[in-house]
Amino acid sequence: MTDIRDWQDRVGKAWAESWQLTDRSFAGLTAQFLETLAELPGLAVLDIGCGAGELSLAMARQRSNARIIGLDISPDLIAAAQARAGDYPGVEFELGDAATWQRPGFAPELLISRHGVMFFDDPVAAFTHLRAIAAPTACIAFTCFRSPQENKWASELAAFLPKGGAKPDPIAPGPFAFADPQRVSAILTAAGWSGIRIEPLDLAYIAGTGEDPVKDARAFFSRIGPAASYLRELIGVERDLVEARMTQWLERNRRDSLIAFAAAAWQVTARKD
């Protein structure tokens, strides 16, 4: 489970320090999602869970006359996004929780998110609030992971990590909380959104590149993803064993100078009206 408090603390810090790698891992998804966003209207854009700002900045390049606000609960990620903003006068990055955030005089016409909406403690209340602050003809578009079984980078990695405690709640806030499309549709419907469309997106999840892609990928997964929190708690022989298993797994998935995994996401769109 990854919740808001994690993003405000260690998880957000890790992602902020590794934003080039996380942008790389999502590159295939971002390209597909931007094609969809290009077809949707709106010059007042709210990027929910903007992270280090890649999607907000891409939208600024796509529609230069738009006003774009990137919103995230992690101060470290907002700082990273602000450092990247450069010469994009129409883009702002702000620290805040999308479940309650609002700005007088700003009614988003297009609400977007790349994998940033699966962490709400109360998703119905959050999407109800987002609908309330949106412009009358607003659209929302976001991406989220499908099941862990369809995302081998997560399920195979988790398979050799230490087990313990109760089985995790599949709908608890976290990367796979929106894996069930029926649940996503029910949440949006209960929040008042209409015209809901949920479509699959397939991508290559890039974990490692370069002269030593195994080392690159091992460092990536040690900071980001399901192995990171486990490795922080392990010491000695137990940590060495997990790292050895991870190395063998990465070697099996290496293709020359690249380690990439088949990954699966949903692309969700809906309307306020």
Protein backbone atom coordinates (compact mmCIF):
# COMPACT_ATOMS: atom_id res chain seq x y z
CA MET A 1 0.00 0.00 0.00
CA THR A 2 1.26 3.46 -0.93
CA ASP A 3 -0.79 6.29 0.55
CA ILE A 4 -0.69 10.08 0.66
CA ARG A 5 1.66 10.11 3.65
CA ASP A 6 4.21 8.00 1.75
CA TRP A 7 4.12 10.43 -1.17
CA GLN A 8 4.63 13.36 1.17
CA ASP A 9 7.67 11.66 2.62
CA ARG A 10 10.05 8.95 1.40
CA VAL A 11 8.26 7.84 -1.80
CA GLY A 12 7.92 11.38 -3.11
CA LYS A 13 11.54 12.08 -2.28
CA ALA A 14 12.73 8.95 -4.10
CA TRP A 15 10.67 9.78 -7.20
CA ALA A 16 11.90 13.38 -7.18
CA GLU A 17 15.51 12.24 -7.05
CA SER A 18 14.92 9.74 -9.89
CA TRP A 19 12.52 11.66 -12.14
CA GLN A 20 14.61 11.05 -15.27
CA LEU A 21 14.28 7.30 -14.71
CA THR A 22 10.55 7.38 -13.95
CA ASP A 23 9.91 9.53 -17.03
CA ARG A 24 11.90 6.97 -19.03
CA SER A 25 9.91 4.06 -17.68
CA PHE A 26 6.62 5.74 -18.64
CA ALA A 27 7.77 7.13 -22.00
CA GLY A 28 5.67 4.75 -24.10
CA LEU A 29 2.57 5.44 -22.02
CA THR A 30 3.05 9.21 -22.11
CA ALA A 31 3.32 9.27 -25.90
CA GLN A 32 0.07 7.34 -26.32
CA PHE A 33 -1.75 9.39 -23.70
CA LEU A 34 -0.72 12.68 -25.32
CA GLU A 35 -2.33 11.55 -28.57
CA THR A 36 -5.61 11.18 -26.73
CA LEU A 37 -5.23 14.50 -24.91
CA ALA A 38 -4.60 16.28 -28.22
CA GLU A 39 -8.18 15.45 -29.20
CA LEU A 40 -9.73 16.92 -26.03
CA PRO A 41 -10.57 20.63 -25.69
CA GLY A 42 -9.53 22.91 -22.88
CA LEU A 43 -7.16 25.80 -22.22
CA ALA A 44 -7.48 25.67 -18.42
CA VAL A 45 -5.73 22.42 -17.50
CA LEU A 46 -5.29 20.76 -14.10
CA ASP A 47 -2.66 18.01 -13.90
CA ILE A 48 -3.55 15.83 -10.89
CA GLY A 49 -0.59 14.18 -9.18
CA CYS A 50 1.76 15.91 -11.61
CA GLY A 51 4.89 14.40 -10.11
CA ALA A 52 8.04 15.96 -11.52
CA GLY A 53 6.01 17.73 -14.21
CA GLU A 54 6.60 15.79 -17.42
CA LEU A 55 2.95 15.67 -18.50
CA SER A 56 2.28 19.32 -17.61
CA LEU A 57 5.28 20.45 -19.64
CA ALA A 58 4.31 18.23 -22.56
CA MET A 59 0.84 19.78 -22.50
CA ALA A 60 2.41 23.24 -22.54
CA ARG A 61 4.27 22.29 -25.71
CA GLN A 62 1.07 20.86 -27.17
CA ARG A 63 -1.11 23.95 -26.49
CA SER A 64 1.07 27.01 -25.98
CA ASN A 65 -1.84 29.32 -25.08
CA ALA A 66 -3.12 27.15 -22.22
CA ARG A 67 -2.94 27.85 -18.51
CA ILE A 68 -1.73 24.68 -16.81
CA ILE A 69 -1.55 24.00 -13.08
CA GLY A 70 0.36 20.92 -11.97
CA LEU A 71 -0.71 19.75 -8.53
CA ASP A 72 1.01 17.24 -6.26
CA ILE A 73 1.12 16.40 -2.55
CA SER A 74 4.89 15.81 -2.53
CA PRO A 75 6.98 18.91 -1.80
CA ASP A 76 10.02 17.18 -3.29
CA LEU A 77 8.25 16.43 -6.58
CA ILE A 78 6.86 19.97 -6.80
CA ALA A 79 10.36 21.34 -6.29
CA ALA A 80 11.66 19.07 -9.07
CA ALA A 81 8.84 20.16 -11.39
CA GLN A 82 9.45 23.84 -10.69
CA ALA A 83 13.15 23.38 -11.44
CA ARG A 84 12.23 21.87 -14.84
CA ALA A 85 9.63 24.49 -15.78
CA GLY A 86 12.09 26.85 -17.46
CA ASP A 87 10.53 29.09 -20.09
CA TYR A 88 6.94 27.91 -19.84
CA PRO A 89 5.07 30.96 -18.54
CA GLY A 90 1.70 29.24 -18.77
CA VAL A 91 2.67 26.44 -16.37
CA GLU A 92 2.52 26.58 -12.58
CA PHE A 93 3.30 23.86 -10.06
CA GLU A 94 1.58 23.91 -6.70
CA LEU A 95 1.69 21.79 -3.57
CA GLY A 96 -1.78 20.52 -2.71
CA ASP A 97 -4.18 17.59 -2.40
CA ALA A 98 -6.45 17.32 -5.44
CA ALA A 99 -9.18 15.81 -3.24
CA THR A 100 -9.74 19.20 -1.61
CA TRP A 101 -7.76 21.75 -3.66
CA GLN A 102 -9.37 24.69 -5.41
CA ARG A 103 -8.33 28.09 -6.62
CA PRO A 104 -10.80 30.99 -6.91
CA GLY A 105 -11.16 32.04 -10.54
CA PHE A 106 -9.73 28.81 -11.95
CA ALA A 107 -12.20 26.25 -13.27
CA PRO A 108 -10.32 23.52 -15.15
CA GLU A 109 -11.71 22.66 -18.57
CA LEU A 110 -9.47 19.61 -18.86
CA LEU A 111 -8.36 17.53 -15.89
CA ILE A 112 -5.54 15.11 -16.61
CA SER A 113 -3.38 12.64 -14.73
CA ARG A 114 -0.70 10.12 -15.62
CA HIS A 115 -0.99 7.48 -12.92
CA GLY A 116 -1.74 10.03 -10.20
CA VAL A 117 -5.29 9.23 -9.12
CA MET A 118 -4.95 5.77 -7.53
CA PHE A 119 -3.91 7.10 -4.13
CA PHE A 120 -7.05 8.89 -2.91
CA ASP A 121 -8.22 7.70 0.51
CA ASP A 122 -11.84 8.31 -0.60
CA PRO A 123 -11.88 8.23 -4.42
CA VAL A 124 -15.61 8.95 -4.78
CA ALA A 125 -15.31 12.08 -2.64
CA ALA A 126 -12.17 13.15 -4.52
CA PHE A 127 -13.72 12.79 -7.98
CA THR A 128 -16.90 14.48 -6.75
CA HIS A 129 -14.81 17.44 -5.62
CA LEU A 130 -12.90 17.55 -8.91
CA ARG A 131 -16.18 17.61 -10.81
CA ALA A 132 -17.47 20.42 -8.58
CA ILE A 133 -14.51 22.71 -9.28
CA ALA A 134 -14.40 21.92 -13.03
CA ALA A 135 -15.88 24.06 -15.80
CA PRO A 136 -19.42 23.11 -16.94
CA THR A 137 -18.23 21.29 -20.07
CA ALA A 138 -15.03 19.86 -18.58
CA CYS A 139 -13.45 16.53 -19.48
CA ILE A 140 -11.25 14.33 -17.33
CA ALA A 141 -8.63 11.92 -18.68
CA PHE A 142 -6.25 9.76 -16.71
CA THR A 143 -4.19 6.58 -16.88
CA CYS A 144 -3.78 3.86 -14.26
CA PHE A 145 -2.25 0.38 -14.11
CA ARG A 146 -4.19 -2.74 -14.96
CA SER A 147 -3.65 -5.82 -12.78
CA PRO A 148 -0.26 -6.83 -11.36
CA GLN A 149 -0.50 -10.07 -13.36
CA GLU A 150 -0.50 -8.00 -16.57
CA ASN A 151 2.47 -5.98 -15.33
CA LYS A 152 5.31 -8.47 -15.06
CA TRP A 153 7.78 -5.88 -13.81
CA ALA A 154 5.66 -5.77 -10.62
CA SER A 155 4.29 -9.30 -10.20
CA GLU A 156 7.53 -11.15 -11.02
CA LEU A 157 9.57 -8.84 -8.82
CA ALA A 158 7.13 -9.23 -5.93
CA ALA A 159 7.28 -13.02 -6.25
CA PHE A 160 10.76 -13.30 -4.77
CA LEU A 161 10.44 -10.59 -2.14
CA PRO A 162 10.00 -11.60 1.53
CA LYS A 163 6.39 -12.31 2.43
CA GLY A 164 4.77 -11.59 5.73
CA GLY A 165 1.69 -10.17 7.39
CA ALA A 166 -1.81 -10.05 6.00
CA LYS A 167 -2.58 -10.20 2.32
CA PRO A 168 -2.71 -6.62 0.99
CA ASP A 169 -6.08 -5.09 0.19
CA PRO A 170 -6.30 -4.90 -3.65
CA ILE A 171 -8.32 -1.67 -3.56
CA ALA A 172 -6.27 0.12 -0.90
CA PRO A 173 -4.60 3.31 -2.16
CA GLY A 174 -1.66 2.25 -4.28
CA PRO A 175 -0.44 1.69 -7.84
CA PHE A 176 -2.97 -1.08 -8.59
CA ALA A 177 -6.00 0.30 -6.75
CA PHE A 178 -7.73 1.08 -10.07
CA ALA A 179 -6.91 -2.20 -11.80
CA ASP A 180 -10.59 -3.23 -11.92
CA PRO A 181 -12.31 -1.20 -14.67
CA GLN A 182 -15.75 -1.88 -13.20
CA ARG A 183 -14.64 -0.31 -9.93
CA VAL A 184 -13.24 2.72 -11.77
CA SER A 185 -16.50 3.15 -13.69
CA ALA A 186 -18.54 2.86 -10.50
CA ILE A 187 -16.40 5.46 -8.74
CA LEU A 188 -16.74 7.98 -11.57
CA THR A 189 -20.47 7.34 -11.92
CA ALA A 190 -21.02 7.82 -8.19
CA ALA A 191 -19.05 11.09 -8.44
CA GLY A 192 -21.36 12.36 -11.21
CA TRP A 193 -19.13 11.95 -14.27
CA SER A 194 -20.71 10.68 -17.50
CA GLY A 195 -19.63 9.36 -20.91
CA ILE A 196 -17.08 7.12 -19.23
CA ARG A 197 -14.69 5.29 -21.55
CA ILE A 198 -12.04 2.86 -20.31
CA GLU A 199 -9.59 1.57 -22.89
CA PRO A 200 -6.44 -0.58 -22.59
CA LEU A 201 -3.00 0.80 -23.28
CA ASP A 202 0.01 -1.50 -23.64
CA LEU A 203 3.54 -0.25 -23.26
CA ALA A 204 7.15 -1.22 -22.72
CA TYR A 205 8.15 -0.38 -19.17
CA ILE A 206 11.82 0.55 -19.48
CA ALA A 207 13.83 -0.41 -16.41
CA GLY A 208 17.45 -0.36 -17.57
CA THR A 209 19.61 0.87 -20.45
CA GLY A 210 23.23 1.58 -21.30
CA GLU A 211 26.46 -0.36 -20.98
CA ASP A 212 25.22 -2.21 -17.88
CA PRO A 213 21.41 -2.29 -18.05
CA VAL A 214 21.22 -4.84 -15.23
CA LYS A 215 23.01 -2.51 -12.83
CA ASP A 216 20.89 0.38 -14.07
CA ALA A 217 17.64 -1.54 -13.58
CA ARG A 218 18.68 -2.90 -10.18
CA ALA A 219 19.36 0.64 -8.96
CA PHE A 220 16.01 1.77 -10.37
CA PHE A 221 13.97 -0.96 -8.68
CA SER A 222 15.88 -0.44 -5.44
CA ARG A 223 14.52 3.11 -5.33
CA ILE A 224 11.18 2.85 -7.16
CA GLY A 225 8.50 0.16 -7.03
CA PRO A 226 7.57 -2.86 -4.90
CA ALA A 227 11.12 -3.87 -4.01
CA ALA A 228 12.22 -0.49 -2.68
CA SER A 229 10.40 -0.54 0.66
CA TYR A 230 11.46 -4.15 1.33
CA LEU A 231 15.12 -3.52 0.58
CA ARG A 232 15.21 -0.55 2.93
CA GLU A 233 14.30 -2.89 5.79
CA LEU A 234 16.65 -5.77 4.90
CA ILE A 235 20.23 -6.19 6.07
CA GLY A 236 22.97 -8.75 5.75
CA VAL A 237 22.41 -12.14 4.16
CA GLU A 238 18.69 -11.62 3.59
CA ARG A 239 19.30 -8.44 1.56
CA ASP A 240 22.12 -10.10 -0.38
CA LEU A 241 19.78 -12.98 -1.30
CA VAL A 242 17.03 -10.67 -2.58
CA GLU A 243 19.50 -8.59 -4.58
CA ALA A 244 21.00 -11.76 -6.10
CA ARG A 245 17.55 -12.96 -7.14
CA MET A 246 16.78 -9.57 -8.61
CA THR A 247 20.01 -9.61 -10.59
CA GLN A 248 19.25 -13.07 -12.02
CA TRP A 249 15.72 -11.96 -12.94
CA LEU A 250 17.01 -8.87 -14.69
CA GLU A 251 19.63 -10.87 -16.57
CA ARG A 252 16.88 -13.16 -17.90
CA ASN A 253 15.01 -10.12 -19.21
CA ARG A 254 18.01 -8.38 -20.72
CA ARG A 255 18.05 -7.80 -24.47
CA ASP A 256 21.46 -6.42 -25.36
CA SER A 257 21.62 -2.94 -23.78
CA LEU A 258 17.95 -2.80 -22.77
CA ILE A 259 15.76 -4.21 -20.04
CA ALA A 260 12.08 -3.55 -20.71
CA PHE A 261 8.95 -5.31 -19.50
CA ALA A 262 5.53 -5.59 -21.07
CA ALA A 263 3.22 -3.38 -19.04
CA ALA A 264 -0.50 -2.73 -19.10
CA ALA A 265 -2.56 0.34 -18.28
CA TRP A 266 -6.05 1.73 -18.59
CA GLN A 267 -6.83 5.05 -20.25
CA VAL A 268 -9.96 6.58 -18.77
CA THR A 269 -11.96 9.55 -20.09
CA ALA A 270 -15.22 11.08 -18.90
CA ARG A 271 -17.29 14.28 -19.10
CA LYS A 272 -18.82 16.55 -16.48
CA ASP A 273 -22.02 17.24 -18.44
